N, C-alpha and C. Protein backbone atom coordinates (compact mmCIF):
# COMPACT_ATOMS: atom_id res chain seq x y z
N UNK A 1 -26.74 13.45 34.62
CA UNK A 1 -25.79 13.58 33.70
C UNK A 1 -24.34 13.03 34.10
N UNK A 2 -24.95 11.62 34.72
CA UNK A 2 -23.92 10.68 34.47
C UNK A 2 -24.16 9.88 33.27
N UNK A 3 -25.94 9.92 32.95
CA UNK A 3 -26.15 9.32 31.88
C UNK A 3 -25.45 10.03 30.72
N UNK A 4 -25.34 11.15 30.52
CA UNK A 4 -25.05 12.42 29.79
C UNK A 4 -23.67 12.70 29.27
N UNK A 5 -22.47 11.92 30.48
CA UNK A 5 -21.74 12.08 29.91
C UNK A 5 -21.43 10.28 29.52
N UNK A 6 -21.47 9.08 29.96
CA UNK A 6 -22.18 7.89 29.09
C UNK A 6 -21.77 8.03 28.35
N UNK A 7 -23.25 8.13 27.92
CA UNK A 7 -23.75 8.94 26.05
C UNK A 7 -22.75 9.34 25.19
N UNK A 8 -22.14 10.88 25.56
CA UNK A 8 -21.06 11.49 25.46
C UNK A 8 -19.92 10.77 24.80
N UNK A 9 -19.26 10.12 26.31
CA UNK A 9 -18.31 9.34 26.06
C UNK A 9 -18.31 7.94 24.37
N UNK A 10 -19.51 7.69 25.02
CA UNK A 10 -19.92 6.60 23.86
C UNK A 10 -20.00 7.07 22.36
N UNK A 11 -20.18 8.15 21.53
CA UNK A 11 -20.71 9.23 21.18
C UNK A 11 -18.98 8.88 20.05
N UNK A 12 -17.62 10.10 20.97
CA UNK A 12 -17.09 9.91 20.92
C UNK A 12 -15.86 8.86 19.99
N UNK A 13 -15.90 7.40 21.35
CA UNK A 13 -15.73 6.22 21.30
C UNK A 13 -16.05 5.66 20.11
N UNK A 14 -17.29 6.17 19.63
CA UNK A 14 -17.86 5.41 18.57
C UNK A 14 -17.18 5.95 17.15
N UNK A 15 -17.20 7.34 17.15
CA UNK A 15 -16.51 8.39 16.17
C UNK A 15 -14.83 8.08 16.24
N UNK A 16 -14.52 8.08 16.73
CA UNK A 16 -13.13 7.40 16.98
C UNK A 16 -12.78 6.32 16.32
N UNK A 17 -13.95 5.52 16.55
CA UNK A 17 -13.35 3.50 15.61
C UNK A 17 -13.50 3.83 14.52
N UNK A 18 -14.80 4.86 13.92
CA UNK A 18 -15.14 5.36 12.80
C UNK A 18 -14.06 6.02 11.60
N UNK A 19 -13.29 6.50 12.75
CA UNK A 19 -12.39 7.73 11.83
C UNK A 19 -11.20 6.11 11.49
N UNK A 20 -10.85 6.06 12.38
CA UNK A 20 -9.96 4.15 12.06
C UNK A 20 -10.18 3.51 11.66
N UNK A 21 -11.49 3.39 11.41
CA UNK A 21 -11.76 2.23 10.43
C UNK A 21 -11.85 3.02 9.14
N UNK A 22 -11.85 4.39 9.19
CA UNK A 22 -12.30 4.22 7.79
C UNK A 22 -10.48 5.09 6.94
N UNK A 23 -9.82 5.56 7.88
CA UNK A 23 -9.08 5.76 7.73
C UNK A 23 -7.68 4.61 7.15
N UNK A 24 -7.54 3.37 7.61
CA UNK A 24 -7.27 2.57 7.46
C UNK A 24 -7.47 1.37 6.78
N UNK A 25 -8.96 2.46 5.35
CA UNK A 25 -9.18 1.49 4.37
C UNK A 25 -8.31 2.14 2.57
N UNK A 26 -8.31 1.14 2.35
CA UNK A 26 -7.51 1.26 0.69
C UNK A 26 -8.70 1.63 -0.25
N UNK A 27 -8.92 3.22 -0.55
CA UNK A 27 -10.50 3.23 -1.12
C UNK A 27 -9.93 3.93 -2.65
N UNK A 28 -10.04 3.39 -3.53
CA UNK A 28 -9.68 4.35 -4.88
C UNK A 28 -11.02 5.36 -5.24
N UNK A 29 -11.76 5.32 -4.12
CA UNK A 29 -13.27 6.30 -4.72
C UNK A 29 -12.74 8.02 -4.13
N UNK A 30 -11.71 7.80 -3.12
CA UNK A 30 -11.42 8.63 -2.01
C UNK A 30 -10.28 9.52 -3.12
N UNK A 31 -10.78 10.42 -3.46
CA UNK A 31 -9.93 11.09 -4.18
C UNK A 31 -8.78 11.77 -3.96
N UNK A 32 -8.67 12.80 -1.83
CA UNK A 32 -8.29 12.82 -1.08
C UNK A 32 -6.97 11.73 -1.09
N UNK A 33 -7.54 10.47 -0.49
CA UNK A 33 -6.87 9.28 -0.51
C UNK A 33 -5.71 8.74 -1.62
N UNK A 34 -6.23 9.13 -2.78
CA UNK A 34 -5.35 9.05 -3.75
C UNK A 34 -4.37 10.23 -4.82
N UNK A 35 -4.60 10.97 -3.68
CA UNK A 35 -4.10 11.97 -4.68
C UNK A 35 -2.46 12.30 -3.78
N UNK A 36 -3.19 11.69 -2.12
CA UNK A 36 -2.09 11.99 -1.29
C UNK A 36 -0.74 10.46 -1.71
N UNK A 37 -2.20 9.70 -1.83
CA UNK A 37 -0.59 8.36 -2.27
C UNK A 37 -0.46 9.09 -3.86
N UNK A 38 0.02 9.60 -4.59
CA UNK A 38 0.05 9.95 -5.64
C UNK A 38 1.65 10.40 -5.32
N UNK A 39 1.24 12.19 -4.25
CA UNK A 39 2.38 12.51 -3.77
C UNK A 39 3.37 11.71 -3.39
N UNK A 40 3.02 10.69 -2.23
CA UNK A 40 4.03 9.98 -1.21
C UNK A 40 4.52 9.12 -2.66
N UNK A 41 3.85 8.53 -3.74
CA UNK A 41 4.04 7.70 -4.25
C UNK A 41 5.74 8.44 -4.91
N UNK A 42 5.45 9.78 -5.52
CA UNK A 42 5.97 10.43 -6.28
C UNK A 42 7.78 10.81 -5.11
N UNK A 43 7.46 10.81 -3.83
CA UNK A 43 8.37 11.07 -3.03
C UNK A 43 9.51 9.88 -2.25
N UNK A 44 8.94 8.82 -2.60
CA UNK A 44 9.35 7.77 -2.00
C UNK A 44 9.62 6.23 -2.26
N UNK A 45 8.60 6.47 -3.62
CA UNK A 45 8.42 5.22 -4.22
C UNK A 45 9.24 5.28 -5.57
N UNK A 46 9.01 6.62 -6.74
CA UNK A 46 9.60 6.08 -7.58
C UNK A 46 10.55 5.81 -8.59
N UNK A 47 11.82 6.44 -7.11
CA UNK A 47 13.39 6.78 -7.40
C UNK A 47 13.69 5.34 -7.81
N UNK A 48 12.95 3.89 -7.47
CA UNK A 48 12.54 2.55 -7.49
C UNK A 48 12.05 2.01 -8.71
N UNK A 49 10.68 2.61 -8.35
CA UNK A 49 9.66 1.83 -9.14
C UNK A 49 9.09 2.60 -10.20
N UNK A 50 10.18 3.57 -10.74
CA UNK A 50 8.95 4.34 -11.97
C UNK A 50 8.19 5.35 -11.71
N UNK A 51 8.24 6.99 -11.93
CA UNK A 51 7.12 7.68 -11.87
C UNK A 51 5.79 6.97 -12.42
N UNK A 52 6.31 6.07 -13.67
CA UNK A 52 4.67 6.01 -13.82
C UNK A 52 4.35 4.24 -13.48
N UNK A 53 5.15 4.14 -12.51
CA UNK A 53 4.59 3.06 -11.70
C UNK A 53 5.66 1.57 -12.53
N UNK A 54 6.53 1.84 -13.77
CA UNK A 54 6.56 0.86 -14.89
C UNK A 54 7.94 -0.20 -14.09
N UNK A 55 8.70 0.25 -13.19
CA UNK A 55 9.78 -0.79 -12.11
C UNK A 55 10.75 -0.43 -12.88
N UNK A 56 11.56 -1.12 -12.29
CA UNK A 56 13.01 -1.33 -13.38
C UNK A 56 13.20 -2.24 -14.70
N UNK A 57 13.56 -2.03 -15.34
CA UNK A 57 13.99 -2.51 -16.71
C UNK A 57 14.84 -3.87 -16.61
N UNK A 58 13.85 -4.96 -17.30
CA UNK A 58 13.87 -6.27 -16.73
C UNK A 58 14.45 -7.20 -14.93
N UNK A 59 13.19 -6.40 -14.65
CA UNK A 59 12.70 -6.47 -13.49
C UNK A 59 12.83 -8.04 -12.93
N UNK A 60 12.84 -8.79 -13.68
CA UNK A 60 12.39 -10.77 -13.37
C UNK A 60 14.17 -10.95 -13.27
N UNK A 61 15.21 -10.17 -13.40
CA UNK A 61 16.59 -10.88 -14.19
C UNK A 61 17.36 -10.20 -12.47
N UNK A 62 18.16 -10.98 -12.03
CA UNK A 62 18.77 -10.63 -10.98
C UNK A 62 19.88 -9.20 -11.17
N UNK A 63 20.38 -8.72 -10.72
CA UNK A 63 21.53 -8.23 -11.04
C UNK A 63 22.86 -8.56 -10.79
N UNK A 64 23.53 -8.27 -10.55
CA UNK A 64 25.02 -8.63 -10.27
C UNK A 64 25.10 -8.30 -9.08
N UNK A 65 24.45 -8.16 -8.20
CA UNK A 65 24.86 -7.88 -6.83
C UNK A 65 23.49 -9.03 -5.91
N UNK A 66 22.93 -9.19 -6.78
CA UNK A 66 21.72 -10.30 -6.49
C UNK A 66 21.00 -9.82 -6.05
N UNK A 67 20.24 -8.90 -5.98
CA UNK A 67 19.07 -8.41 -6.17
C UNK A 67 18.67 -8.17 -7.47
N UNK A 68 17.43 -8.33 -7.03
CA UNK A 68 15.78 -8.28 -8.11
C UNK A 68 15.73 -6.59 -8.27
N UNK A 69 15.47 -6.16 -9.49
CA UNK A 69 15.23 -4.80 -9.88
C UNK A 69 13.76 -4.27 -9.35
N UNK A 70 13.66 -3.30 -8.79
CA UNK A 70 12.50 -3.40 -8.27
C UNK A 70 11.21 -3.29 -9.36
N UNK A 71 10.29 -3.94 -9.36
CA UNK A 71 9.10 -4.50 -9.86
C UNK A 71 8.12 -3.55 -10.27
N UNK A 72 7.64 -3.52 -11.74
CA UNK A 72 6.64 -2.70 -11.56
C UNK A 72 5.34 -2.33 -10.58
N UNK A 73 4.40 -1.16 -10.64
CA UNK A 73 3.60 -1.18 -9.86
C UNK A 73 2.40 -1.27 -10.82
N UNK A 74 2.26 -1.14 -12.00
CA UNK A 74 1.20 -1.15 -13.24
C UNK A 74 0.55 -1.89 -13.50
N UNK A 75 0.00 -2.32 -14.23
CA UNK A 75 -0.63 -3.19 -14.39
C UNK A 75 0.11 -4.63 -15.40
N UNK A 76 1.68 -4.11 -16.07
CA UNK A 76 2.20 -5.17 -16.13
C UNK A 76 3.04 -6.37 -15.25
N UNK A 77 2.84 -5.44 -14.25
CA UNK A 77 3.69 -6.33 -13.13
C UNK A 77 2.74 -7.50 -12.19
N UNK A 78 3.15 -7.87 -10.84
CA UNK A 78 3.27 -8.91 -10.28
C UNK A 78 1.77 -8.04 -8.58
N UNK A 79 2.06 -7.02 -8.89
CA UNK A 79 1.73 -6.09 -7.27
C UNK A 79 0.18 -6.64 -7.02
N UNK A 80 -0.75 -5.91 -7.96
CA UNK A 80 -1.65 -6.53 -8.19
C UNK A 80 -2.13 -7.94 -8.11
N UNK A 81 -1.64 -8.51 -7.88
CA UNK A 81 -1.80 -10.43 -7.51
C UNK A 81 -1.46 -10.53 -5.93
N UNK A 82 -1.26 -9.52 -5.43
CA UNK A 82 -1.00 -9.33 -4.00
C UNK A 82 -2.26 -8.95 -3.01
N UNK A 83 -2.47 -9.51 -1.80
CA UNK A 83 -3.80 -9.15 -1.48
C UNK A 83 -3.48 -7.04 -0.73
N UNK A 84 -4.44 -6.45 -0.16
CA UNK A 84 -3.88 -5.65 0.31
C UNK A 84 -3.08 -5.15 1.29
N UNK A 85 -3.61 -6.80 2.11
CA UNK A 85 -2.37 -7.09 3.57
C UNK A 85 -1.35 -7.32 3.20
N UNK A 86 -0.87 -7.99 2.08
CA UNK A 86 0.02 -8.39 1.51
C UNK A 86 1.19 -6.98 1.01
N UNK A 87 1.10 -6.65 0.60
CA UNK A 87 1.18 -5.35 -0.10
C UNK A 87 1.50 -4.12 0.94
N UNK A 88 0.64 -3.82 1.76
CA UNK A 88 0.53 -3.26 3.30
C UNK A 88 1.84 -3.17 4.32
N UNK A 89 1.78 -4.86 4.23
CA UNK A 89 3.10 -5.28 5.32
C UNK A 89 4.23 -4.75 4.73
N UNK A 90 4.48 -5.16 2.92
CA UNK A 90 6.34 -5.71 2.52
C UNK A 90 6.04 -4.11 2.49
N UNK A 91 5.33 -2.51 2.61
CA UNK A 91 5.63 -1.56 1.84
C UNK A 91 6.59 -1.39 3.78
N UNK A 92 5.44 -1.43 4.29
CA UNK A 92 5.83 -1.04 6.04
C UNK A 92 6.91 -1.66 6.50
N UNK A 93 6.85 -3.60 6.26
CA UNK A 93 7.62 -3.96 6.82
C UNK A 93 9.41 -4.22 6.11
N UNK A 94 9.07 -4.11 4.95
CA UNK A 94 10.36 -4.15 3.89
C UNK A 94 10.12 -5.84 3.57
N UNK A 95 11.21 -5.85 2.34
CA UNK A 95 10.95 -7.28 1.69
C UNK A 95 11.58 -7.97 2.43
N UNK A 96 12.75 -7.88 3.25
CA UNK A 96 13.54 -8.76 4.50
C UNK A 96 12.95 -9.84 4.53
N UNK A 97 12.14 -8.71 5.54
CA UNK A 97 11.57 -9.58 6.78
C UNK A 97 10.49 -10.59 6.53
N UNK A 98 9.88 -10.57 5.48
CA UNK A 98 9.38 -12.00 4.51
C UNK A 98 9.95 -13.14 3.72
N UNK A 99 10.97 -12.54 3.38
CA UNK A 99 12.41 -13.44 2.53
C UNK A 99 12.89 -14.02 3.06
N UNK A 100 13.07 -15.18 2.76
CA UNK A 100 14.15 -16.74 3.22
C UNK A 100 15.46 -15.87 3.43
N UNK A 101 16.21 -16.25 4.47
CA UNK A 101 17.61 -15.98 4.87
C UNK A 101 18.57 -15.45 3.63
N UNK A 102 19.12 -15.33 3.37
CA UNK A 102 20.17 -15.03 2.55
C UNK A 102 19.77 -14.15 1.23
N UNK A 103 18.42 -14.31 1.17
CA UNK A 103 17.67 -13.24 -0.18
C UNK A 103 18.20 -11.91 0.41
N UNK A 104 18.71 -11.81 -0.85
CA UNK A 104 18.84 -10.12 -1.44
C UNK A 104 17.56 -9.16 -2.04
N UNK A 105 17.55 -7.06 -1.53
CA UNK A 105 16.91 -6.69 -1.60
C UNK A 105 17.00 -5.71 -1.72
N UNK A 106 16.36 -4.60 -1.92
CA UNK A 106 16.58 -3.23 -1.74
C UNK A 106 15.56 -2.68 -1.03
N UNK A 107 14.97 -3.00 -1.09
CA UNK A 107 13.12 -2.68 -0.72
C UNK A 107 13.29 -2.17 1.00
N UNK A 108 13.38 -1.32 1.57
CA UNK A 108 13.45 -0.73 2.86
C UNK A 108 11.98 -0.82 3.79
N UNK A 109 12.62 -1.26 4.38
CA UNK A 109 11.07 -1.21 6.16
C UNK A 109 10.91 1.14 5.89
N UNK A 110 9.65 0.83 5.52
CA UNK A 110 8.85 2.31 5.41
C UNK A 110 7.99 2.91 6.77
N UNK A 111 8.79 2.27 8.00
CA UNK A 111 8.28 1.75 9.41
C UNK A 111 9.48 3.33 9.94
N UNK A 112 8.42 3.96 10.41
CA UNK A 112 8.63 5.88 10.57
C UNK A 112 9.10 6.55 10.31
N UNK A 113 9.00 6.29 8.89
CA UNK A 113 9.36 7.14 7.36
C UNK A 113 7.46 7.16 6.80
N UNK A 114 6.59 6.30 6.86
CA UNK A 114 4.77 6.65 6.17
C UNK A 114 3.81 6.08 7.62
N UNK A 115 3.44 6.26 7.79
CA UNK A 115 2.47 6.29 8.82
C UNK A 115 1.83 5.18 7.59
N UNK A 116 0.32 4.21 8.75
CA UNK A 116 -0.27 3.59 8.21
C UNK A 116 -0.75 3.92 6.93
N UNK A 117 -1.46 5.03 7.30
CA UNK A 117 -2.77 6.26 6.86
C UNK A 117 -2.05 6.11 5.71
N UNK A 118 -0.65 6.92 5.62
CA UNK A 118 0.18 7.56 4.51
C UNK A 118 0.37 5.89 3.50
N UNK A 119 0.98 4.94 3.91
CA UNK A 119 0.72 3.30 3.47
C UNK A 119 -0.36 2.82 2.79
N UNK A 120 -1.25 2.85 2.81
CA UNK A 120 -2.10 3.02 2.18
C UNK A 120 -3.05 3.99 1.42
N UNK A 121 -2.40 4.78 1.94
CA UNK A 121 -2.75 6.22 0.78
C UNK A 121 -1.72 5.44 -0.48
N UNK A 122 -0.74 5.17 -0.40
CA UNK A 122 0.40 5.15 -1.73
C UNK A 122 -0.25 4.21 -2.27
N UNK A 123 -0.77 3.04 -1.58
CA UNK A 123 -1.48 1.41 -1.92
C UNK A 123 -2.79 2.25 -3.10
N UNK A 124 -4.20 3.47 -2.33
CA UNK A 124 -5.00 3.40 -3.31
C UNK A 124 -4.65 4.10 -4.40
N UNK A 125 -3.10 4.80 -4.47
CA UNK A 125 -3.12 5.36 -5.57
C UNK A 125 -2.36 4.02 -6.54
N UNK A 126 -1.85 3.39 -6.06
CA UNK A 126 -1.05 2.56 -7.38
C UNK A 126 -2.34 1.67 -7.98
N UNK A 127 -3.52 1.04 -6.84
CA UNK A 127 -4.67 1.20 -7.17
C UNK A 127 -5.54 1.88 -8.62
N UNK A 128 -5.21 2.52 -7.89
CA UNK A 128 -6.64 3.71 -9.47
C UNK A 128 -6.40 3.83 -10.23
N UNK A 129 -4.40 3.38 -10.55
CA UNK A 129 -4.08 3.53 -11.93
C UNK A 129 -4.50 2.13 -12.69
N UNK A 130 -4.78 1.01 -12.29
CA UNK A 130 -5.12 -0.44 -12.08
C UNK A 130 -6.50 -0.03 -13.71
N UNK A 131 -6.79 -0.56 -14.60
CA UNK A 131 -7.63 -1.30 -15.28
C UNK A 131 -8.63 -1.90 -14.64
N UNK A 132 -10.32 -0.86 -14.64
CA UNK A 132 -11.25 -2.08 -13.98
C UNK A 132 -11.27 -3.47 -14.11
N UNK A 133 -11.04 -4.09 -15.39
CA UNK A 133 -10.44 -5.41 -15.24
C UNK A 133 -9.30 -5.80 -14.23
N UNK A 134 -8.68 -5.30 -14.16
CA UNK A 134 -7.79 -6.03 -13.14
C UNK A 134 -8.23 -5.81 -11.68
N UNK A 135 -9.10 -4.44 -11.52
CA UNK A 135 -10.00 -4.00 -10.24
C UNK A 135 -10.73 -5.27 -9.68
N UNK A 136 -11.32 -5.74 -10.73
CA UNK A 136 -12.61 -6.36 -10.59
C UNK A 136 -11.87 -8.01 -9.74
N UNK A 137 -10.67 -8.55 -10.81
CA UNK A 137 -10.21 -9.56 -10.53
C UNK A 137 -9.75 -9.69 -8.95
N UNK A 138 -9.18 -8.61 -8.35
CA UNK A 138 -7.83 -7.94 -6.80
C UNK A 138 -9.42 -8.28 -6.16
N UNK A 139 -10.71 -7.29 -5.96
CA UNK A 139 -11.59 -7.95 -5.48
C UNK A 139 -12.12 -8.87 -5.06
N UNK A 140 -12.28 -9.78 -6.54
CA UNK A 140 -12.87 -11.32 -6.41
C UNK A 140 -11.76 -11.98 -5.55
N UNK A 141 -10.50 -11.70 -5.47
CA UNK A 141 -9.18 -12.43 -5.29
C UNK A 141 -9.73 -11.83 -3.52
N UNK A 142 -9.75 -10.93 -3.26
CA UNK A 142 -9.95 -10.22 -1.83
C UNK A 142 -11.01 -10.61 -1.23
N UNK A 143 -12.23 -11.32 -1.61
CA UNK A 143 -13.32 -11.88 -0.91
C UNK A 143 -12.59 -13.91 -0.38
N UNK A 144 -11.91 -14.11 -1.21
CA UNK A 144 -11.94 -15.05 -0.97
C UNK A 144 -11.00 -15.59 0.08
């Protein structure tokens, strides 16, 4: 009987590990994750970064308040140059956590707003919109 309990515990632990591992992946082939990300992006990101991921106009020139406009998340911007880990951290914790003192930014922290799984879904949606060439370049970057 004790062996059955131990074996059952092992199966439950392995299933929990696998579920956590797969829920923490950014997978553009996962249509449900991408669709969830599209909806969350529309609710939380589009007001600044644009519904078509185009960012604000003249996004590389500071506004009069010292902030940079919201950058595009489509292929025209620099988002795809960053690793999944960096993008996740920026969304989760906001830009001010990583910027030098005095850096002005409107990018908020999403701690308590979006779960880790939801943040990864938003990133999956964004990545799903990039051309194959850019996704291939990112995959090569992620390997190094």
